[in-house]
Amino acid sequence: MLSQNQENQLYFREDFKESPTSFSITQEHLTYPELLLHRHGPTADSLKKSYHDYFPNDPYYVRSGLCITFRWAISFEKQHHTVDLTDGQIRMKVK
């Protein structure tokens, strides 16, 4: 049984680095040093790190506009750590 503090503990959060738009998204775009980025699928090399510079406080995000088949995925792995997500939650903001 987890304590109240452990139940609400955030395992990791990734907000991409504030840098110019780039093809293709790579490990260098991550802000969390222990996090590994994995790209999956035949068009994963076409994933782009992007943002809108004309919207204030617009977050940096992954754009898949050039992935013609739309068969792609990204996943993150925290180096040297494992966690039991049996009772956990995973949240991603997706539009």
PDB file of N, CA and C in Angstrom:
ATOM      1  N   MET A   1       0.845  -1.184   0.000  1.00  0.00           N
ATOM      2  CA  MET A   1       0.000   0.000   0.000  1.00  0.00           C
ATOM      3  C   MET A   1       0.890   1.248   0.000  1.00  0.00           C
ATOM      4  N   LEU A   2       0.586   2.195  -0.840  1.00  0.00           N
ATOM      5  CA  LEU A   2       1.376   3.420  -0.917  1.00  0.00           C
ATOM      6  C   LEU A   2       0.855   4.446   0.073  1.00  0.00           C
ATOM      7  N   SER A   3       1.764   5.263   0.585  1.00  0.00           N
ATOM      8  CA  SER A   3       1.336   6.357   1.451  1.00  0.00           C
ATOM      9  C   SER A   3       0.703   7.447   0.584  1.00  0.00           C
ATOM     10  N   GLN A   4       0.049   8.403   1.213  1.00  0.00           N
ATOM     11  CA  GLN A   4      -0.609   9.495   0.482  1.00  0.00           C
ATOM     12  C   GLN A   4       0.401  10.256  -0.368  1.00  0.00           C
ATOM     13  N   ASN A   5       1.611  10.504   0.147  1.00  0.00           N
ATOM     14  CA  ASN A   5       2.621  11.224  -0.628  1.00  0.00           C
ATOM     15  C   ASN A   5       3.063  10.432  -1.841  1.00  0.00           C
ATOM     16  N   GLN A   6       3.217   9.123  -1.713  1.00  0.00           N
ATOM     17  CA  GLN A   6       3.638   8.297  -2.830  1.00  0.00           C
ATOM     18  C   GLN A   6       2.555   8.182  -3.891  1.00  0.00           C
ATOM     19  N   GLU A   7       1.293   8.200  -3.502  1.00  0.00           N
ATOM     20  CA  GLU A   7       0.201   8.076  -4.461  1.00  0.00           C
ATOM     21  C   GLU A   7       0.169   9.239  -5.437  1.00  0.00           C
ATOM     22  N   ASN A   8       0.521  10.433  -4.996  1.00  0.00           N
ATOM     23  CA  ASN A   8       0.431  11.625  -5.830  1.00  0.00           C
ATOM     24  C   ASN A   8       1.782  12.088  -6.348  1.00  0.00           C
ATOM     25  N   GLN A   9       2.789  11.253  -6.223  1.00  0.00           N
ATOM     26  CA  GLN A   9       4.133  11.632  -6.626  1.00  0.00           C
ATOM     27  C   GLN A   9       4.272  11.575  -8.149  1.00  0.00           C
ATOM     28  N   LEU A  10       4.854  12.614  -8.710  1.00  0.00           N
ATOM     29  CA  LEU A  10       5.100  12.686 -10.145  1.00  0.00           C
ATOM     30  C   LEU A  10       6.404  11.963 -10.458  1.00  0.00           C
ATOM     31  N   TYR A  11       6.366  11.000 -11.363  1.00  0.00           N
ATOM     32  CA  TYR A  11       7.556  10.220 -11.714  1.00  0.00           C
ATOM     33  C   TYR A  11       8.488  11.033 -12.611  1.00  0.00           C
ATOM     34  N   PHE A  12       7.954  11.660 -13.651  1.00  0.00           N
ATOM     35  CA  PHE A  12       8.718  12.611 -14.447  1.00  0.00           C
ATOM     36  C   PHE A  12       7.762  13.461 -15.262  1.00  0.00           C
ATOM     37  N   ARG A  13       8.268  14.591 -15.711  1.00  0.00           N
ATOM     38  CA  ARG A  13       7.540  15.478 -16.609  1.00  0.00           C
ATOM     39  C   ARG A  13       8.552  15.982 -17.624  1.00  0.00           C
ATOM     40  N   GLU A  14       8.153  16.002 -18.873  1.00  0.00           N
ATOM     41  CA  GLU A  14       9.043  16.500 -19.914  1.00  0.00           C
ATOM     42  C   GLU A  14       8.396  17.668 -20.635  1.00  0.00           C
ATOM     43  N   ASP A  15       9.065  18.807 -20.603  1.00  0.00           N
ATOM     44  CA  ASP A  15       8.723  19.969 -21.413  1.00  0.00           C
ATOM     45  C   ASP A  15       9.941  20.190 -22.301  1.00  0.00           C
ATOM     46  N   PHE A  16       9.767  20.122 -23.593  1.00  0.00           N
ATOM     47  CA  PHE A  16      10.896  20.184 -24.509  1.00  0.00           C
ATOM     48  C   PHE A  16      11.661  21.500 -24.364  1.00  0.00           C
ATOM     49  N   LYS A  17      12.945  21.457 -24.701  1.00  0.00           N
ATOM     50  CA  LYS A  17      13.792  22.649 -24.616  1.00  0.00           C
ATOM     51  C   LYS A  17      13.253  23.750 -25.514  1.00  0.00           C
ATOM     52  N   GLU A  18      13.434  24.970 -25.059  1.00  0.00           N
ATOM     53  CA  GLU A  18      13.028  26.120 -25.856  1.00  0.00           C
ATOM     54  C   GLU A  18      14.144  26.422 -26.849  1.00  0.00           C
ATOM     55  N   SER A  19      13.998  25.864 -28.017  1.00  0.00           N
ATOM     56  CA  SER A  19      14.976  26.036 -29.084  1.00  0.00           C
ATOM     57  C   SER A  19      14.215  26.127 -30.400  1.00  0.00           C
ATOM     58  N   PRO A  20      14.860  26.553 -31.462  1.00  0.00           N
ATOM     59  CA  PRO A  20      14.149  26.684 -32.737  1.00  0.00           C
ATOM     60  C   PRO A  20      13.506  25.370 -33.183  1.00  0.00           C
ATOM     61  N   THR A  21      12.464  25.507 -33.991  1.00  0.00           N
ATOM     62  CA  THR A  21      11.794  24.350 -34.574  1.00  0.00           C
ATOM     63  C   THR A  21      12.825  23.477 -35.273  1.00  0.00           C
ATOM     64  N   SER A  22      12.647  22.158 -35.170  1.00  0.00           N
ATOM     65  CA  SER A  22      13.659  21.261 -35.695  1.00  0.00           C
ATOM     66  C   SER A  22      13.048  19.986 -36.255  1.00  0.00           C
ATOM     67  N   PHE A  23      13.590  19.509 -37.388  1.00  0.00           N
ATOM     68  CA  PHE A  23      13.327  18.169 -37.915  1.00  0.00           C
ATOM     69  C   PHE A  23      14.537  17.344 -37.547  1.00  0.00           C
ATOM     70  N   SER A  24      14.531  16.321 -37.175  1.00  0.00           N
ATOM     71  CA  SER A  24      13.603  15.448 -36.520  1.00  0.00           C
ATOM     72  C   SER A  24      13.848  15.564 -35.020  1.00  0.00           C
ATOM     73  N   ILE A  25      12.847  15.293 -34.213  1.00  0.00           N
ATOM     74  CA  ILE A  25      13.018  15.409 -32.773  1.00  0.00           C
ATOM     75  C   ILE A  25      14.026  14.370 -32.283  1.00  0.00           C
ATOM     76  N   THR A  26      14.944  14.797 -31.434  1.00  0.00           N
ATOM     77  CA  THR A  26      16.017  13.924 -30.963  1.00  0.00           C
ATOM     78  C   THR A  26      16.188  14.045 -29.456  1.00  0.00           C
ATOM     79  N   GLN A  27      17.093  13.258 -28.949  1.00  0.00           N
ATOM     80  CA  GLN A  27      17.404  13.254 -27.518  1.00  0.00           C
ATOM     81  C   GLN A  27      17.814  14.648 -27.035  1.00  0.00           C
ATOM     82  N   GLU A  28      18.469  15.412 -27.865  1.00  0.00           N
ATOM     83  CA  GLU A  28      18.961  16.739 -27.486  1.00  0.00           C
ATOM     84  C   GLU A  28      17.833  17.730 -27.208  1.00  0.00           C
ATOM     85  N   HIS A  29      16.626  17.424 -27.617  1.00  0.00           N
ATOM     86  CA  HIS A  29      15.496  18.326 -27.390  1.00  0.00           C
ATOM     87  C   HIS A  29      14.837  18.136 -26.027  1.00  0.00           C
ATOM     88  N   LEU A  30      15.254  17.136 -25.276  1.00  0.00           N
ATOM     89  CA  LEU A  30      14.658  16.869 -23.970  1.00  0.00           C
ATOM     90  C   LEU A  30      15.346  17.690 -22.891  1.00  0.00           C
ATOM     91  N   THR A  31      14.561  18.132 -21.906  1.00  0.00           N
ATOM     92  CA  THR A  31      15.119  18.908 -20.808  1.00  0.00           C
ATOM     93  C   THR A  31      15.520  18.045 -19.626  1.00  0.00           C
ATOM     94  N   TYR A  32      14.915  16.886 -19.486  1.00  0.00           N
ATOM     95  CA  TYR A  32      15.161  15.997 -18.353  1.00  0.00           C
ATOM     96  C   TYR A  32      16.344  15.098 -18.685  1.00  0.00           C
ATOM     97  N   PRO A  33      17.494  15.251 -18.003  1.00  0.00           N
ATOM     98  CA  PRO A  33      18.717  14.558 -18.425  1.00  0.00           C
ATOM     99  C   PRO A  33      18.682  13.035 -18.323  1.00  0.00           C
ATOM    100  N   GLU A  34      17.868  12.461 -17.442  1.00  0.00           N
ATOM    101  CA  GLU A  34      17.831  11.008 -17.288  1.00  0.00           C
ATOM    102  C   GLU A  34      16.772  10.343 -18.171  1.00  0.00           C
ATOM    103  N   LEU A  35      16.131  11.103 -19.018  1.00  0.00           N
ATOM    104  CA  LEU A  35      15.055  10.580 -19.846  1.00  0.00           C
ATOM    105  C   LEU A  35      15.573  10.224 -21.231  1.00  0.00           C
ATOM    106  N   LEU A  36      15.185   9.061 -21.724  1.00  0.00           N
ATOM    107  CA  LEU A  36      15.545   8.640 -23.074  1.00  0.00           C
ATOM    108  C   LEU A  36      14.317   8.735 -23.972  1.00  0.00           C
ATOM    109  N   LEU A  37      14.496   9.258 -25.161  1.00  0.00           N
ATOM    110  CA  LEU A  37      13.426   9.370 -26.148  1.00  0.00           C
ATOM    111  C   LEU A  37      13.543   8.206 -27.121  1.00  0.00           C
ATOM    112  N   HIS A  38      12.428   7.517 -27.338  1.00  0.00           N
ATOM    113  CA  HIS A  38      12.381   6.446 -28.337  1.00  0.00           C
ATOM    114  C   HIS A  38      11.319   6.814 -29.370  1.00  0.00           C
ATOM    115  N   ARG A  39      11.700   6.730 -30.645  1.00  0.00           N
ATOM    116  CA  ARG A  39      10.760   6.984 -31.737  1.00  0.00           C
ATOM    117  C   ARG A  39      10.460   5.654 -32.409  1.00  0.00           C
ATOM    118  N   HIS A  40       9.193   5.417 -32.700  1.00  0.00           N
ATOM    119  CA  HIS A  40       8.772   4.137 -33.264  1.00  0.00           C
ATOM    120  C   HIS A  40       7.973   4.360 -34.543  1.00  0.00           C
ATOM    121  N   GLY A  41       8.125   3.443 -35.485  1.00  0.00           N
ATOM    122  CA  GLY A  41       7.326   3.470 -36.705  1.00  0.00           C
ATOM    123  C   GLY A  41       8.121   3.889 -37.915  1.00  0.00           C
ATOM    124  N   PRO A  42       7.575   3.600 -39.106  1.00  0.00           N
ATOM    125  CA  PRO A  42       8.295   3.858 -40.348  1.00  0.00           C
ATOM    126  C   PRO A  42       8.485   5.340 -40.668  1.00  0.00           C
ATOM    127  N   THR A  43       7.665   6.207 -40.097  1.00  0.00           N
ATOM    128  CA  THR A  43       7.801   7.641 -40.386  1.00  0.00           C
ATOM    129  C   THR A  43       8.255   8.441 -39.171  1.00  0.00           C
ATOM    130  N   ALA A  44       8.756   7.771 -38.137  1.00  0.00           N
ATOM    131  CA  ALA A  44       9.145   8.453 -36.902  1.00  0.00           C
ATOM    132  C   ALA A  44      10.257   9.475 -37.119  1.00  0.00           C
ATOM    133  N   ASP A  45      11.088   9.303 -38.145  1.00  0.00           N
ATOM    134  CA  ASP A  45      12.148  10.274 -38.422  1.00  0.00           C
ATOM    135  C   ASP A  45      11.592  11.609 -38.909  1.00  0.00           C
ATOM    136  N   SER A  46      10.312  11.647 -39.282  1.00  0.00           N
ATOM    137  CA  SER A  46       9.692  12.880 -39.757  1.00  0.00           C
ATOM    138  C   SER A  46       9.013  13.669 -38.642  1.00  0.00           C
ATOM    139  N   LEU A  47       9.070  13.183 -37.410  1.00  0.00           N
ATOM    140  CA  LEU A  47       8.484  13.933 -36.297  1.00  0.00           C
ATOM    141  C   LEU A  47       9.274  15.209 -36.072  1.00  0.00           C
ATOM    142  N   LYS A  48       8.572  16.284 -35.809  1.00  0.00           N
ATOM    143  CA  LYS A  48       9.175  17.602 -35.710  1.00  0.00           C
ATOM    144  C   LYS A  48       8.921  18.177 -34.312  1.00  0.00           C
ATOM    145  N   LYS A  49       9.935  18.810 -33.726  1.00  0.00           N
ATOM    146  CA  LYS A  49       9.711  19.588 -32.504  1.00  0.00           C
ATOM    147  C   LYS A  49       9.331  20.978 -32.946  1.00  0.00           C
ATOM    148  N   SER A  50       8.215  21.481 -32.454  1.00  0.00           N
ATOM    149  CA  SER A  50       7.693  22.736 -32.977  1.00  0.00           C
ATOM    150  C   SER A  50       7.075  23.571 -31.868  1.00  0.00           C
ATOM    151  N   TYR A  51       6.659  24.768 -32.230  1.00  0.00           N
ATOM    152  CA  TYR A  51       5.891  25.674 -31.373  1.00  0.00           C
ATOM    153  C   TYR A  51       5.426  26.842 -32.225  1.00  0.00           C
ATOM    154  N   HIS A  52       4.550  27.654 -31.664  1.00  0.00           N
ATOM    155  CA  HIS A  52       4.060  28.847 -32.356  1.00  0.00           C
ATOM    156  C   HIS A  52       4.667  30.067 -31.677  1.00  0.00           C
ATOM    157  N   ASP A  53       5.589  30.747 -32.338  1.00  0.00           N
ATOM    158  CA  ASP A  53       6.243  31.893 -31.700  1.00  0.00           C
ATOM    159  C   ASP A  53       5.332  33.114 -31.582  1.00  0.00           C
ATOM    160  N   TYR A  54       4.188  33.118 -32.265  1.00  0.00           N
ATOM    161  CA  TYR A  54       3.285  34.258 -32.188  1.00  0.00           C
ATOM    162  C   TYR A  54       2.232  34.104 -31.089  1.00  0.00           C
ATOM    163  N   PHE A  55       2.201  32.961 -30.387  1.00  0.00           N
ATOM    164  CA  PHE A  55       1.327  32.782 -29.234  1.00  0.00           C
ATOM    165  C   PHE A  55       2.172  32.879 -27.969  1.00  0.00           C
ATOM    166  N   PRO A  56       1.858  33.808 -27.071  1.00  0.00           N
ATOM    167  CA  PRO A  56       2.640  33.882 -25.838  1.00  0.00           C
ATOM    168  C   PRO A  56       2.484  32.601 -25.019  1.00  0.00           C
ATOM    169  N   ASN A  57       3.589  32.129 -24.439  1.00  0.00           N
ATOM    170  CA  ASN A  57       3.609  30.942 -23.580  1.00  0.00           C
ATOM    171  C   ASN A  57       3.161  29.670 -24.289  1.00  0.00           C
ATOM    172  N   ASP A  58       3.304  29.611 -25.593  1.00  0.00           N
ATOM    173  CA  ASP A  58       2.941  28.400 -26.327  1.00  0.00           C
ATOM    174  C   ASP A  58       3.971  27.321 -26.013  1.00  0.00           C
ATOM    175  N   PRO A  59       3.536  26.115 -25.620  1.00  0.00           N
ATOM    176  CA  PRO A  59       4.503  25.067 -25.286  1.00  0.00           C
ATOM    177  C   PRO A  59       5.147  24.481 -26.536  1.00  0.00           C
ATOM    178  N   TYR A  60       6.315  23.923 -26.357  1.00  0.00           N
ATOM    179  CA  TYR A  60       6.980  23.189 -27.429  1.00  0.00           C
ATOM    180  C   TYR A  60       6.356  21.805 -27.492  1.00  0.00           C
ATOM    181  N   TYR A  61       6.187  21.264 -28.685  1.00  0.00           N
ATOM    182  CA  TYR A  61       5.430  20.033 -28.844  1.00  0.00           C
ATOM    183  C   TYR A  61       5.962  19.219 -30.023  1.00  0.00           C
ATOM    184  N   VAL A  62       5.476  17.986 -30.132  1.00  0.00           N
ATOM    185  CA  VAL A  62       5.826  17.111 -31.241  1.00  0.00           C
ATOM    186  C   VAL A  62       4.757  17.258 -32.308  1.00  0.00           C
ATOM    187  N   ARG A  63       5.173  17.503 -33.544  1.00  0.00           N
ATOM    188  CA  ARG A  63       4.240  17.643 -34.668  1.00  0.00           C
ATOM    189  C   ARG A  63       4.488  16.497 -35.647  1.00  0.00           C
ATOM    190  N   SER A  64       3.396  15.906 -36.111  1.00  0.00           N
ATOM    191  CA  SER A  64       3.521  14.744 -37.003  1.00  0.00           C
ATOM    192  C   SER A  64       3.019  15.038 -38.411  1.00  0.00           C
ATOM    193  N   GLY A  65       2.956  16.286 -38.803  1.00  0.00           N
ATOM    194  CA  GLY A  65       2.380  16.672 -40.088  1.00  0.00           C
ATOM    195  C   GLY A  65       3.028  16.037 -41.297  1.00  0.00           C
ATOM    196  N   LEU A  66       4.303  15.712 -41.222  1.00  0.00           N
ATOM    197  CA  LEU A  66       4.992  15.125 -42.377  1.00  0.00           C
ATOM    198  C   LEU A  66       5.027  13.604 -42.337  1.00  0.00           C
ATOM    199  N   CYS A  67       4.448  13.009 -41.326  1.00  0.00           N
ATOM    200  CA  CYS A  67       4.393  11.540 -41.234  1.00  0.00           C
ATOM    201  C   CYS A  67       3.233  11.068 -42.096  1.00  0.00           C
ATOM    202  N   ILE A  68       3.518  10.760 -43.326  1.00  0.00           N
ATOM    203  CA  ILE A  68       2.486  10.488 -44.323  1.00  0.00           C
ATOM    204  C   ILE A  68       1.583   9.323 -43.928  1.00  0.00           C
ATOM    205  N   THR A  69       2.136   8.263 -43.379  1.00  0.00           N
ATOM    206  CA  THR A  69       1.308   7.110 -43.029  1.00  0.00           C
ATOM    207  C   THR A  69       0.673   7.239 -41.649  1.00  0.00           C
ATOM    208  N   PHE A  70       1.119   8.197 -40.874  1.00  0.00           N
ATOM    209  CA  PHE A  70       0.615   8.436 -39.514  1.00  0.00           C
ATOM    210  C   PHE A  70       0.788   7.228 -38.610  1.00  0.00           C
ATOM    211  N   ARG A  71       1.709   6.348 -38.944  1.00  0.00           N
ATOM    212  CA  ARG A  71       2.020   5.212 -38.073  1.00  0.00           C
ATOM    213  C   ARG A  71       3.316   5.536 -37.341  1.00  0.00           C
ATOM    214  N   TRP A  72       3.188   6.142 -36.183  1.00  0.00           N
ATOM    215  CA  TRP A  72       4.348   6.510 -35.399  1.00  0.00           C
ATOM    216  C   TRP A  72       3.964   6.536 -33.929  1.00  0.00           C
ATOM    217  N   ALA A  73       4.962   6.521 -33.103  1.00  0.00           N
ATOM    218  CA  ALA A  73       4.753   6.653 -31.654  1.00  0.00           C
ATOM    219  C   ALA A  73       6.054   7.149 -31.042  1.00  0.00           C
ATOM    220  N   ILE A  74       5.930   7.789 -29.902  1.00  0.00           N
ATOM    221  CA  ILE A  74       7.112   8.118 -29.113  1.00  0.00           C
ATOM    222  C   ILE A  74       6.910   7.528 -27.726  1.00  0.00           C
ATOM    223  N   SER A  75       8.005   7.189 -27.101  1.00  0.00           N
ATOM    224  CA  SER A  75       7.948   6.719 -25.728  1.00  0.00           C
ATOM    225  C   SER A  75       9.165   7.271 -24.997  1.00  0.00           C
ATOM    226  N   PHE A  76       9.059   7.315 -23.698  1.00  0.00           N
ATOM    227  CA  PHE A  76      10.138   7.816 -22.863  1.00  0.00           C
ATOM    228  C   PHE A  76      10.553   6.731 -21.880  1.00  0.00           C
ATOM    229  N   GLU A  77      11.828   6.695 -21.592  1.00  0.00           N
ATOM    230  CA  GLU A  77      12.360   5.731 -20.629  1.00  0.00           C
ATOM    231  C   GLU A  77      13.255   6.494 -19.663  1.00  0.00           C
ATOM    232  N   LYS A  78      13.042   6.297 -18.397  1.00  0.00           N
ATOM    233  CA  LYS A  78      13.877   6.926 -17.388  1.00  0.00           C
ATOM    234  C   LYS A  78      15.065   6.007 -17.111  1.00  0.00           C
ATOM    235  N   GLN A  79      16.276   6.504 -17.351  1.00  0.00           N
ATOM    236  CA  GLN A  79      17.483   5.688 -17.213  1.00  0.00           C
ATOM    237  C   GLN A  79      17.686   5.241 -15.775  1.00  0.00           C
ATOM    238  N   HIS A  80      18.107   4.003 -15.619  1.00  0.00           N
ATOM    239  CA  HIS A  80      18.509   3.448 -14.325  1.00  0.00           C
ATOM    240  C   HIS A  80      17.384   3.388 -13.306  1.00  0.00           C
ATOM    241  N   HIS A  81      16.122   3.494 -13.738  1.00  0.00           N
ATOM    242  CA  HIS A  81      14.997   3.459 -12.806  1.00  0.00           C
ATOM    243  C   HIS A  81      13.892   2.581 -13.382  1.00  0.00           C
ATOM    244  N   THR A  82      13.199   1.921 -12.503  1.00  0.00           N
ATOM    245  CA  THR A  82      11.976   1.228 -12.892  1.00  0.00           C
ATOM    246  C   THR A  82      10.898   1.629 -11.902  1.00  0.00           C
ATOM    247  N   VAL A  83       9.670   1.526 -12.339  1.00  0.00           N
ATOM    248  CA  VAL A  83       8.546   1.885 -11.478  1.00  0.00           C
ATOM    249  C   VAL A  83       7.386   0.957 -11.805  1.00  0.00           C
ATOM    250  N   ASP A  84       6.635   0.601 -10.802  1.00  0.00           N
ATOM    251  CA  ASP A  84       5.445  -0.217 -10.980  1.00  0.00           C
ATOM    252  C   ASP A  84       4.259   0.719 -11.231  1.00  0.00           C
ATOM    253  N   LEU A  85       3.714   0.688 -12.437  1.00  0.00           N
ATOM    254  CA  LEU A  85       2.589   1.557 -12.793  1.00  0.00           C
ATOM    255  C   LEU A  85       1.242   0.842 -12.682  1.00  0.00           C
ATOM    256  N   THR A  86       1.203  -0.222 -11.892  1.00  0.00           N
ATOM    257  CA  THR A  86      -0.034  -0.981 -11.731  1.00  0.00           C
ATOM    258  C   THR A  86      -1.192  -0.076 -11.328  1.00  0.00           C
ATOM    259  N   ASP A  87      -0.973   0.801 -10.377  1.00  0.00           N
ATOM    260  CA  ASP A  87      -2.012   1.720  -9.916  1.00  0.00           C
ATOM    261  C   ASP A  87      -1.707   3.152 -10.333  1.00  0.00           C
ATOM    262  N   GLY A  88      -0.867   3.324 -11.340  1.00  0.00           N
ATOM    263  CA  GLY A  88      -0.453   4.654 -11.756  1.00  0.00           C
ATOM    264  C   GLY A  88      -1.268   5.206 -12.915  1.00  0.00           C
ATOM    265  N   GLN A  89      -0.930   6.403 -13.292  1.00  0.00           N
ATOM    266  CA  GLN A  89      -1.591   7.073 -14.422  1.00  0.00           C
ATOM    267  C   GLN A  89      -0.512   7.659 -15.335  1.00  0.00           C
ATOM    268  N   ILE A  90      -0.785   7.621 -16.627  1.00  0.00           N
ATOM    269  CA  ILE A  90       0.083   8.263 -17.613  1.00  0.00           C
ATOM    270  C   ILE A  90      -0.755   9.322 -18.301  1.00  0.00           C
ATOM    271  N   ARG A  91      -0.221  10.532 -18.361  1.00  0.00           N
ATOM    272  CA  ARG A  91      -0.943  11.630 -19.025  1.00  0.00           C
ATOM    273  C   ARG A  91      -0.066  12.252 -20.092  1.00  0.00           C
ATOM    274  N   MET A  92      -0.649  12.433 -21.255  1.00  0.00           N
ATOM    275  CA  MET A  92       0.001  13.162 -22.339  1.00  0.00           C
ATOM    276  C   MET A  92      -1.011  14.140 -22.876  1.00  0.00           C
ATOM    277  N   LYS A  93      -0.591  15.349 -23.144  1.00  0.00           N
ATOM    278  CA  LYS A  93      -1.474  16.313 -23.785  1.00  0.00           C
ATOM    279  C   LYS A  93      -1.398  16.096 -25.278  1.00  0.00           C
ATOM    280  N   VAL A  94      -2.528  15.836 -25.895  1.00  0.00           N
ATOM    281  CA  VAL A  94      -2.581  15.511 -27.320  1.00  0.00           C
ATOM    282  C   VAL A  94      -3.680  16.348 -27.967  1.00  0.00           C
ATOM    283  N   LYS A  95      -3.380  16.887 -29.144  1.00  0.00           N
ATOM    284  CA  LYS A  95      -4.395  17.614 -29.919  1.00  0.00           C
ATOM    285  C   LYS A  95      -4.507  16.978 -31.272  1.00  0.00           C
TER     286      LYS A  95
END
